[in-house]
Every structure is written in structure tokens, then in C-alpha cells.
Amino acid sequence: MAKKQVSTEELLDNKEEVKKELNKARRKFQKAPLLTKKEKKALGIGKDEGRASVKYISIPATKVKLVIDLIRGKGLEEAYAIVKHTPRAVSPYILKLLKSAESNAVNNFELDKEKLYVAEVYAGQGTTLKRIMANARGSASRIHKRTSHVTLVLKERA
């Protein structure tokens, strides 16, 4: 079934109703309605955040989650300090993500740098590269090279 096309004028007329529908409390299995880019732009959704993502990091998502759990909910400067002093292979990637999300928030949406905090950060599993490796007695086994995708969202504290 195709989604009904809604004009920008109709969206602006029903702005409060649409926002109320999006923010309504739902159960875990109930999904909020998906909006197109045009609808998000007309409603002004996503204007209060800086977002950055990196894909295909050659580090498993389980190891990435160890670092991102440390910075979730922290202020921007505190998150920088934590990531700089965390001795993990993923730390340079997370540091670069923080800088990118900060730049997006400050330059694109004019958010205050001192009020920014890490609102969301999550890592998902990427593709798995499988390589064949020789073993003893002429047999072979697979080696799984796991990758991950990381997304970071900065928002302003009220």
C-alpha cells in the first residue's frame, strides 16, 4: 500500500495534531508513524540536534558498546574527556564522531556549545567478513571479521 501524499500546507495546518500523534505514549511493539524528509522539514523535526554516524568500523559492536555506554547522557566536554582517556581501539572513531556531531549542531542549527549533551548513542552490527584460515591436519575454519555502525546524537539541555 502506498502512503498518502500530503502537501506542505496541509501539514502546517495540522501541525499540532501531527506532533501530538508522534509524541503519544506507545507500547513497545507499537511504532510511531514514519515521516518523509519533506514532512520532517515542514514540521521542524530534527532542528534541535546534531547528528553524526560512521559505518563499517572494523570493530565488533559489542566492543564499541563498552565505550559508548560510558558517554551516554554526559555533557559534551565530559564526553570528550572520557573518550580521550579510554584505552580502547574504538576511541578515535568516537572522538571523531563527537567532533562531527558538535560541528553539525553548532554550524547548521546554531545550538549553544556549552549546553550540548549526548542524548543518544548506539551501535549496530554491520556486515561480517568471513575468511577461510588453514588449520592443523589440512582442515580449514572460518574467521569472522565483524564490523559495526555507530550513530551519535547531541541535543541541548533545557
N, C-alpha and C. Protein backbone atom coordinates (compact mmCIF):
# COMPACT_ATOMS: atom_id res chain seq x y z
N MET A 1 0.83 -1.18 0.00
CA MET A 1 0.00 0.00 0.00
C MET A 1 0.87 1.25 0.00
N ALA A 2 0.54 2.17 -0.83
CA ALA A 2 1.30 3.41 -0.92
C ALA A 2 0.81 4.39 0.15
N LYS A 3 1.74 5.20 0.61
CA LYS A 3 1.42 6.20 1.62
C LYS A 3 0.77 7.40 0.93
N LYS A 4 -0.21 7.98 1.57
CA LYS A 4 -0.92 9.13 1.01
C LYS A 4 -0.01 10.36 1.01
N GLN A 5 0.07 11.04 -0.12
CA GLN A 5 0.88 12.24 -0.23
C GLN A 5 0.15 13.42 0.42
N VAL A 6 0.86 14.13 1.27
CA VAL A 6 0.28 15.27 1.96
C VAL A 6 1.07 16.51 1.57
N SER A 7 0.37 17.58 1.23
CA SER A 7 1.07 18.81 0.84
C SER A 7 1.61 19.52 2.09
N THR A 8 2.54 20.42 1.85
CA THR A 8 3.17 21.17 2.95
C THR A 8 2.15 22.04 3.67
N GLU A 9 1.21 22.61 2.90
CA GLU A 9 0.19 23.47 3.51
C GLU A 9 -0.70 22.67 4.47
N GLU A 10 -1.08 21.45 4.05
CA GLU A 10 -1.89 20.61 4.93
C GLU A 10 -1.14 20.25 6.20
N LEU A 11 0.17 19.98 6.05
CA LEU A 11 0.98 19.66 7.23
C LEU A 11 1.03 20.83 8.20
N LEU A 12 1.26 22.02 7.67
CA LEU A 12 1.36 23.19 8.53
C LEU A 12 0.03 23.50 9.21
N ASP A 13 -1.10 23.22 8.52
CA ASP A 13 -2.41 23.44 9.14
C ASP A 13 -2.66 22.47 10.30
N ASN A 14 -2.21 21.23 10.14
CA ASN A 14 -2.42 20.19 11.15
C ASN A 14 -1.17 19.91 11.98
N LYS A 15 -0.31 20.90 12.13
CA LYS A 15 0.99 20.72 12.79
C LYS A 15 0.85 20.18 14.21
N GLU A 16 -0.03 20.78 15.01
CA GLU A 16 -0.17 20.38 16.40
C GLU A 16 -0.69 18.94 16.51
N GLU A 17 -1.65 18.60 15.66
CA GLU A 17 -2.22 17.25 15.69
C GLU A 17 -1.17 16.20 15.33
N VAL A 18 -0.36 16.50 14.32
CA VAL A 18 0.67 15.55 13.88
C VAL A 18 1.72 15.38 14.96
N LYS A 19 2.16 16.49 15.58
CA LYS A 19 3.15 16.40 16.65
C LYS A 19 2.60 15.64 17.86
N LYS A 20 1.32 15.85 18.17
CA LYS A 20 0.70 15.13 19.28
C LYS A 20 0.68 13.62 18.98
N GLU A 21 0.37 13.27 17.73
CA GLU A 21 0.34 11.86 17.32
C GLU A 21 1.73 11.24 17.41
N LEU A 22 2.77 11.99 17.05
CA LEU A 22 4.14 11.48 17.11
C LEU A 22 4.62 11.28 18.54
N ASN A 23 4.25 12.19 19.44
CA ASN A 23 4.74 12.16 20.82
C ASN A 23 3.85 11.35 21.76
N LYS A 24 2.80 10.74 21.23
CA LYS A 24 1.87 9.97 22.05
C LYS A 24 2.59 8.77 22.68
N ALA A 25 2.26 8.46 23.92
CA ALA A 25 2.85 7.31 24.60
C ALA A 25 2.39 6.03 23.92
N ARG A 26 3.35 5.14 23.66
CA ARG A 26 3.06 3.90 22.96
C ARG A 26 3.66 2.73 23.70
N ARG A 27 3.11 1.56 23.41
CA ARG A 27 3.71 0.34 23.93
C ARG A 27 4.91 0.00 23.08
N LYS A 28 5.68 -0.95 23.56
CA LYS A 28 6.95 -1.28 22.90
C LYS A 28 6.76 -1.75 21.46
N PHE A 29 5.70 -2.50 21.20
CA PHE A 29 5.50 -3.06 19.87
C PHE A 29 4.83 -2.09 18.90
N GLN A 30 4.30 -0.98 19.41
CA GLN A 30 3.63 -0.01 18.55
C GLN A 30 4.64 1.02 18.07
N LYS A 31 4.73 1.20 16.77
CA LYS A 31 5.69 2.13 16.19
C LYS A 31 5.03 3.46 15.88
N ALA A 32 5.78 4.53 16.02
CA ALA A 32 5.30 5.85 15.63
C ALA A 32 5.25 5.91 14.11
N PRO A 33 4.36 6.71 13.54
CA PRO A 33 4.30 6.80 12.08
C PRO A 33 5.59 7.40 11.52
N LEU A 34 6.03 6.84 10.40
CA LEU A 34 7.25 7.33 9.76
C LEU A 34 6.94 8.56 8.92
N LEU A 35 7.82 9.52 8.99
CA LEU A 35 7.66 10.75 8.21
C LEU A 35 8.72 10.81 7.12
N THR A 36 8.36 11.43 6.02
CA THR A 36 9.33 11.63 4.95
C THR A 36 10.20 12.84 5.29
N LYS A 37 11.27 13.03 4.51
CA LYS A 37 12.14 14.19 4.75
C LYS A 37 11.38 15.49 4.60
N LYS A 38 10.49 15.55 3.60
CA LYS A 38 9.71 16.75 3.37
C LYS A 38 8.81 17.06 4.56
N GLU A 39 8.19 16.01 5.11
CA GLU A 39 7.31 16.21 6.25
C GLU A 39 8.09 16.64 7.50
N LYS A 40 9.27 16.03 7.71
CA LYS A 40 10.11 16.42 8.85
C LYS A 40 10.54 17.88 8.74
N LYS A 41 10.90 18.28 7.53
CA LYS A 41 11.35 19.66 7.32
C LYS A 41 10.21 20.64 7.55
N ALA A 42 9.00 20.32 7.07
CA ALA A 42 7.85 21.20 7.25
C ALA A 42 7.47 21.33 8.72
N LEU A 43 7.58 20.23 9.48
CA LEU A 43 7.22 20.26 10.89
C LEU A 43 8.34 20.77 11.79
N GLY A 44 9.56 20.87 11.25
CA GLY A 44 10.69 21.35 12.04
C GLY A 44 11.26 20.29 12.97
N ILE A 45 11.08 19.02 12.64
CA ILE A 45 11.60 17.94 13.47
C ILE A 45 13.06 17.71 13.13
N GLY A 46 13.91 17.58 14.15
CA GLY A 46 15.34 17.36 13.95
C GLY A 46 16.15 18.63 13.91
N LYS A 47 15.53 19.77 14.18
CA LYS A 47 16.26 21.05 14.16
C LYS A 47 16.96 21.33 15.47
N ASP A 48 16.71 20.53 16.50
CA ASP A 48 17.29 20.78 17.81
C ASP A 48 18.38 19.79 18.16
N GLU A 49 19.01 19.17 17.15
CA GLU A 49 20.01 18.15 17.43
C GLU A 49 21.10 18.16 16.39
N GLY A 50 22.28 17.71 16.82
CA GLY A 50 23.40 17.48 15.91
C GLY A 50 23.61 15.99 15.82
N ARG A 51 23.64 15.46 14.62
CA ARG A 51 23.70 14.01 14.41
C ARG A 51 24.90 13.68 13.55
N ALA A 52 25.56 12.57 13.89
CA ALA A 52 26.67 12.07 13.08
C ALA A 52 26.69 10.55 13.17
N SER A 53 27.13 9.91 12.11
CA SER A 53 27.22 8.45 12.12
C SER A 53 28.41 8.00 11.31
N VAL A 54 28.90 6.85 11.67
CA VAL A 54 30.01 6.22 10.94
C VAL A 54 29.63 4.77 10.71
N LYS A 55 29.96 4.28 9.51
CA LYS A 55 29.58 2.91 9.15
C LYS A 55 30.81 2.09 8.84
N TYR A 56 30.67 0.80 8.99
CA TYR A 56 31.70 -0.18 8.65
C TYR A 56 33.00 0.01 9.42
N ILE A 57 32.91 0.29 10.72
CA ILE A 57 34.10 0.29 11.57
C ILE A 57 34.50 -1.17 11.74
N SER A 58 35.76 -1.47 11.61
CA SER A 58 36.18 -2.87 11.69
C SER A 58 36.40 -3.32 13.14
N ILE A 59 35.44 -2.97 13.99
CA ILE A 59 35.45 -3.36 15.41
C ILE A 59 34.05 -3.89 15.72
N PRO A 60 33.93 -5.01 16.41
CA PRO A 60 32.60 -5.55 16.71
C PRO A 60 31.76 -4.60 17.56
N ALA A 61 30.44 -4.64 17.36
CA ALA A 61 29.53 -3.75 18.08
C ALA A 61 29.59 -3.97 19.58
N THR A 62 29.88 -5.19 20.03
CA THR A 62 29.95 -5.44 21.47
C THR A 62 31.09 -4.67 22.12
N LYS A 63 32.21 -4.52 21.40
CA LYS A 63 33.34 -3.76 21.94
C LYS A 63 33.09 -2.26 21.85
N VAL A 64 32.34 -1.84 20.84
CA VAL A 64 32.01 -0.42 20.72
C VAL A 64 31.07 -0.01 21.85
N LYS A 65 30.14 -0.89 22.22
CA LYS A 65 29.16 -0.58 23.25
C LYS A 65 29.79 -0.35 24.61
N LEU A 66 30.97 -0.94 24.85
CA LEU A 66 31.66 -0.71 26.12
C LEU A 66 32.03 0.76 26.29
N VAL A 67 32.40 1.42 25.20
CA VAL A 67 32.80 2.83 25.27
C VAL A 67 31.59 3.75 25.21
N ILE A 68 30.64 3.44 24.34
CA ILE A 68 29.51 4.37 24.19
C ILE A 68 28.60 4.37 25.42
N ASP A 69 28.60 3.29 26.19
CA ASP A 69 27.83 3.29 27.42
C ASP A 69 28.41 4.26 28.46
N LEU A 70 29.71 4.54 28.35
CA LEU A 70 30.36 5.46 29.28
C LEU A 70 29.94 6.91 29.05
N ILE A 71 29.62 7.28 27.79
CA ILE A 71 29.36 8.69 27.48
C ILE A 71 27.89 9.02 27.31
N ARG A 72 27.02 8.04 27.32
CA ARG A 72 25.59 8.29 27.12
C ARG A 72 25.05 9.16 28.25
N GLY A 73 24.42 10.30 27.90
CA GLY A 73 23.82 11.19 28.88
C GLY A 73 24.78 12.22 29.47
N LYS A 74 26.04 12.17 29.12
CA LYS A 74 27.05 13.09 29.67
C LYS A 74 27.08 14.39 28.84
N GLY A 75 27.62 15.44 29.45
CA GLY A 75 27.84 16.69 28.74
C GLY A 75 28.94 16.53 27.70
N LEU A 76 29.02 17.45 26.77
CA LEU A 76 29.94 17.33 25.65
C LEU A 76 31.40 17.32 26.11
N GLU A 77 31.78 18.25 26.97
CA GLU A 77 33.17 18.32 27.43
C GLU A 77 33.55 17.08 28.25
N GLU A 78 32.63 16.61 29.06
CA GLU A 78 32.88 15.41 29.85
C GLU A 78 33.02 14.18 28.94
N ALA A 79 32.21 14.13 27.90
CA ALA A 79 32.29 13.01 26.95
C ALA A 79 33.63 13.02 26.22
N TYR A 80 34.11 14.22 25.83
CA TYR A 80 35.43 14.34 25.21
C TYR A 80 36.52 13.79 26.14
N ALA A 81 36.46 14.18 27.40
CA ALA A 81 37.47 13.75 28.37
C ALA A 81 37.45 12.23 28.57
N ILE A 82 36.25 11.67 28.66
CA ILE A 82 36.14 10.22 28.86
C ILE A 82 36.71 9.47 27.67
N VAL A 83 36.35 9.89 26.47
CA VAL A 83 36.79 9.17 25.27
C VAL A 83 38.29 9.32 25.05
N LYS A 84 38.84 10.50 25.34
CA LYS A 84 40.28 10.71 25.15
C LYS A 84 41.11 9.81 26.06
N HIS A 85 40.59 9.52 27.25
CA HIS A 85 41.37 8.76 28.22
C HIS A 85 40.91 7.30 28.35
N THR A 86 40.13 6.83 27.41
CA THR A 86 39.70 5.44 27.41
C THR A 86 40.62 4.65 26.48
N PRO A 87 41.35 3.67 26.99
CA PRO A 87 42.31 2.93 26.15
C PRO A 87 41.65 1.81 25.35
N ARG A 88 40.84 2.16 24.38
CA ARG A 88 40.17 1.19 23.53
C ARG A 88 40.43 1.54 22.07
N ALA A 89 40.33 0.56 21.20
CA ALA A 89 40.60 0.78 19.78
C ALA A 89 39.54 1.66 19.13
N VAL A 90 38.34 1.71 19.69
CA VAL A 90 37.26 2.47 19.09
C VAL A 90 37.28 3.95 19.50
N SER A 91 38.09 4.32 20.47
CA SER A 91 38.11 5.69 20.98
C SER A 91 38.35 6.76 19.92
N PRO A 92 39.30 6.58 18.97
CA PRO A 92 39.47 7.60 17.94
C PRO A 92 38.23 7.79 17.06
N TYR A 93 37.51 6.72 16.78
CA TYR A 93 36.29 6.82 15.98
C TYR A 93 35.21 7.60 16.72
N ILE A 94 35.06 7.33 18.01
CA ILE A 94 34.05 8.01 18.82
C ILE A 94 34.40 9.48 18.98
N LEU A 95 35.70 9.78 19.14
CA LEU A 95 36.14 11.17 19.25
C LEU A 95 35.82 11.94 17.98
N LYS A 96 36.06 11.32 16.85
CA LYS A 96 35.77 11.96 15.57
C LYS A 96 34.26 12.16 15.39
N LEU A 97 33.47 11.19 15.85
CA LEU A 97 32.01 11.31 15.81
C LEU A 97 31.53 12.47 16.67
N LEU A 98 32.09 12.61 17.87
CA LEU A 98 31.71 13.71 18.75
C LEU A 98 31.99 15.05 18.10
N LYS A 99 33.17 15.19 17.49
CA LYS A 99 33.53 16.44 16.82
C LYS A 99 32.58 16.74 15.66
N SER A 100 32.25 15.71 14.89
CA SER A 100 31.37 15.90 13.75
C SER A 100 29.96 16.29 14.18
N ALA A 101 29.42 15.62 15.19
CA ALA A 101 28.08 15.93 15.68
C ALA A 101 28.04 17.34 16.29
N GLU A 102 29.11 17.71 16.99
CA GLU A 102 29.19 19.07 17.55
C GLU A 102 29.18 20.10 16.44
N SER A 103 29.96 19.87 15.39
CA SER A 103 30.01 20.81 14.27
C SER A 103 28.64 20.93 13.60
N ASN A 104 27.97 19.80 13.43
CA ASN A 104 26.64 19.83 12.82
C ASN A 104 25.66 20.63 13.66
N ALA A 105 25.71 20.45 14.97
CA ALA A 105 24.78 21.15 15.86
C ALA A 105 25.06 22.64 15.89
N VAL A 106 26.32 23.01 15.97
CA VAL A 106 26.68 24.43 16.11
C VAL A 106 26.53 25.17 14.78
N ASN A 107 27.03 24.60 13.70
CA ASN A 107 27.02 25.31 12.42
C ASN A 107 25.68 25.26 11.70
N ASN A 108 24.98 24.14 11.74
CA ASN A 108 23.74 24.01 10.99
C ASN A 108 22.52 24.53 11.73
N PHE A 109 22.49 24.36 13.06
CA PHE A 109 21.29 24.70 13.81
C PHE A 109 21.53 25.75 14.90
N GLU A 110 22.73 26.34 14.96
CA GLU A 110 23.08 27.40 15.91
C GLU A 110 22.75 27.04 17.36
N LEU A 111 23.09 25.82 17.76
CA LEU A 111 22.88 25.41 19.15
C LEU A 111 24.06 25.85 20.00
N ASP A 112 23.82 26.06 21.29
CA ASP A 112 24.85 26.53 22.21
C ASP A 112 25.78 25.37 22.58
N LYS A 113 27.08 25.57 22.36
CA LYS A 113 28.08 24.51 22.57
C LYS A 113 28.16 24.08 24.03
N GLU A 114 27.97 25.01 24.97
CA GLU A 114 28.10 24.68 26.39
C GLU A 114 26.92 23.85 26.91
N LYS A 115 25.75 23.93 26.24
CA LYS A 115 24.57 23.21 26.71
C LYS A 115 24.39 21.84 26.06
N LEU A 116 25.28 21.47 25.13
CA LEU A 116 25.11 20.20 24.41
C LEU A 116 25.44 19.00 25.30
N TYR A 117 24.68 17.94 25.12
CA TYR A 117 24.94 16.68 25.82
C TYR A 117 24.66 15.52 24.86
N VAL A 118 25.17 14.35 25.19
CA VAL A 118 25.00 13.16 24.35
C VAL A 118 23.63 12.57 24.66
N ALA A 119 22.65 12.84 23.80
CA ALA A 119 21.29 12.38 24.03
C ALA A 119 21.13 10.92 23.66
N GLU A 120 21.63 10.55 22.49
CA GLU A 120 21.53 9.16 22.02
C GLU A 120 22.87 8.75 21.44
N VAL A 121 23.24 7.54 21.69
CA VAL A 121 24.40 6.95 21.02
C VAL A 121 24.16 5.45 21.00
N TYR A 122 24.25 4.88 19.81
CA TYR A 122 24.01 3.44 19.69
C TYR A 122 24.87 2.85 18.59
N ALA A 123 25.15 1.56 18.74
CA ALA A 123 25.97 0.83 17.78
C ALA A 123 25.19 -0.38 17.31
N GLY A 124 25.19 -0.57 16.02
CA GLY A 124 24.51 -1.73 15.43
C GLY A 124 25.52 -2.59 14.70
N GLN A 125 25.15 -3.83 14.49
CA GLN A 125 26.05 -4.75 13.81
C GLN A 125 26.05 -4.46 12.32
N GLY A 126 27.25 -4.41 11.73
CA GLY A 126 27.40 -4.24 10.30
C GLY A 126 27.57 -5.58 9.62
N THR A 127 28.17 -5.55 8.47
CA THR A 127 28.40 -6.79 7.74
C THR A 127 29.54 -7.57 8.39
N THR A 128 29.53 -8.87 8.19
CA THR A 128 30.58 -9.73 8.72
C THR A 128 31.38 -10.30 7.56
N LEU A 129 32.67 -10.04 7.57
CA LEU A 129 33.54 -10.62 6.54
C LEU A 129 33.99 -11.99 7.02
N LYS A 130 33.86 -12.98 6.18
CA LYS A 130 34.25 -14.33 6.56
C LYS A 130 35.45 -14.74 5.72
N ARG A 131 36.51 -15.11 6.39
CA ARG A 131 37.72 -15.54 5.71
C ARG A 131 38.02 -16.99 6.08
N ILE A 132 38.58 -17.71 5.16
CA ILE A 132 38.96 -19.10 5.40
C ILE A 132 40.42 -19.12 5.85
N MET A 133 40.69 -19.83 6.95
CA MET A 133 42.03 -19.92 7.50
C MET A 133 42.42 -21.39 7.61
N ALA A 134 43.66 -21.68 7.26
CA ALA A 134 44.14 -23.06 7.33
C ALA A 134 44.31 -23.49 8.78
N ASN A 135 43.97 -24.75 9.06
CA ASN A 135 44.11 -25.33 10.38
C ASN A 135 45.02 -26.55 10.33
N ALA A 136 45.19 -27.18 11.46
CA ALA A 136 46.02 -28.38 11.52
C ALA A 136 45.38 -29.53 10.75
N ARG A 137 46.19 -30.47 10.33
CA ARG A 137 45.78 -31.69 9.63
C ARG A 137 45.04 -31.40 8.32
N GLY A 138 45.35 -30.29 7.69
CA GLY A 138 44.78 -30.00 6.38
C GLY A 138 43.35 -29.51 6.40
N SER A 139 42.79 -29.23 7.56
CA SER A 139 41.42 -28.72 7.61
C SER A 139 41.43 -27.19 7.56
N ALA A 140 40.25 -26.62 7.46
CA ALA A 140 40.13 -25.16 7.39
C ALA A 140 38.99 -24.71 8.29
N SER A 141 39.06 -23.47 8.74
CA SER A 141 37.99 -22.91 9.55
C SER A 141 37.77 -21.46 9.14
N ARG A 142 36.61 -20.94 9.49
CA ARG A 142 36.27 -19.57 9.14
C ARG A 142 36.68 -18.62 10.26
N ILE A 143 37.08 -17.44 9.85
CA ILE A 143 37.35 -16.35 10.79
C ILE A 143 36.34 -15.26 10.49
N HIS A 144 35.61 -14.81 11.50
CA HIS A 144 34.59 -13.78 11.31
C HIS A 144 35.18 -12.42 11.67
N LYS A 145 35.26 -11.53 10.69
CA LYS A 145 35.70 -10.15 10.92
C LYS A 145 34.45 -9.29 11.02
N ARG A 146 34.05 -8.95 12.23
CA ARG A 146 32.80 -8.22 12.42
C ARG A 146 33.02 -6.72 12.30
N THR A 147 31.98 -6.04 11.79
CA THR A 147 32.01 -4.58 11.67
C THR A 147 30.81 -4.01 12.41
N SER A 148 30.77 -2.68 12.55
CA SER A 148 29.65 -2.05 13.24
C SER A 148 29.38 -0.67 12.67
N HIS A 149 28.16 -0.19 12.91
CA HIS A 149 27.72 1.15 12.54
C HIS A 149 27.38 1.89 13.83
N VAL A 150 27.91 3.11 13.99
CA VAL A 150 27.69 3.87 15.22
C VAL A 150 27.00 5.19 14.87
N THR A 151 25.98 5.57 15.63
CA THR A 151 25.27 6.83 15.45
C THR A 151 25.27 7.58 16.77
N LEU A 152 25.51 8.90 16.70
CA LEU A 152 25.60 9.74 17.90
C LEU A 152 24.73 10.97 17.68
N VAL A 153 23.92 11.34 18.68
CA VAL A 153 23.02 12.49 18.59
C VAL A 153 23.29 13.39 19.79
N LEU A 154 23.56 14.67 19.51
CA LEU A 154 23.74 15.67 20.56
C LEU A 154 22.53 16.58 20.60
N LYS A 155 22.05 16.90 21.81
CA LYS A 155 20.93 17.82 21.98
C LYS A 155 21.30 18.86 23.02
N GLU A 156 20.48 19.91 23.06
CA GLU A 156 20.70 20.99 24.04
C GLU A 156 19.92 20.70 25.32
N ARG A 157 20.55 20.94 26.45
CA ARG A 157 19.84 20.80 27.73
C ARG A 157 18.91 21.98 27.91
N ALA A 158 17.75 21.72 28.51
CA ALA A 158 16.76 22.79 28.72
C ALA A 158 17.17 23.69 29.85
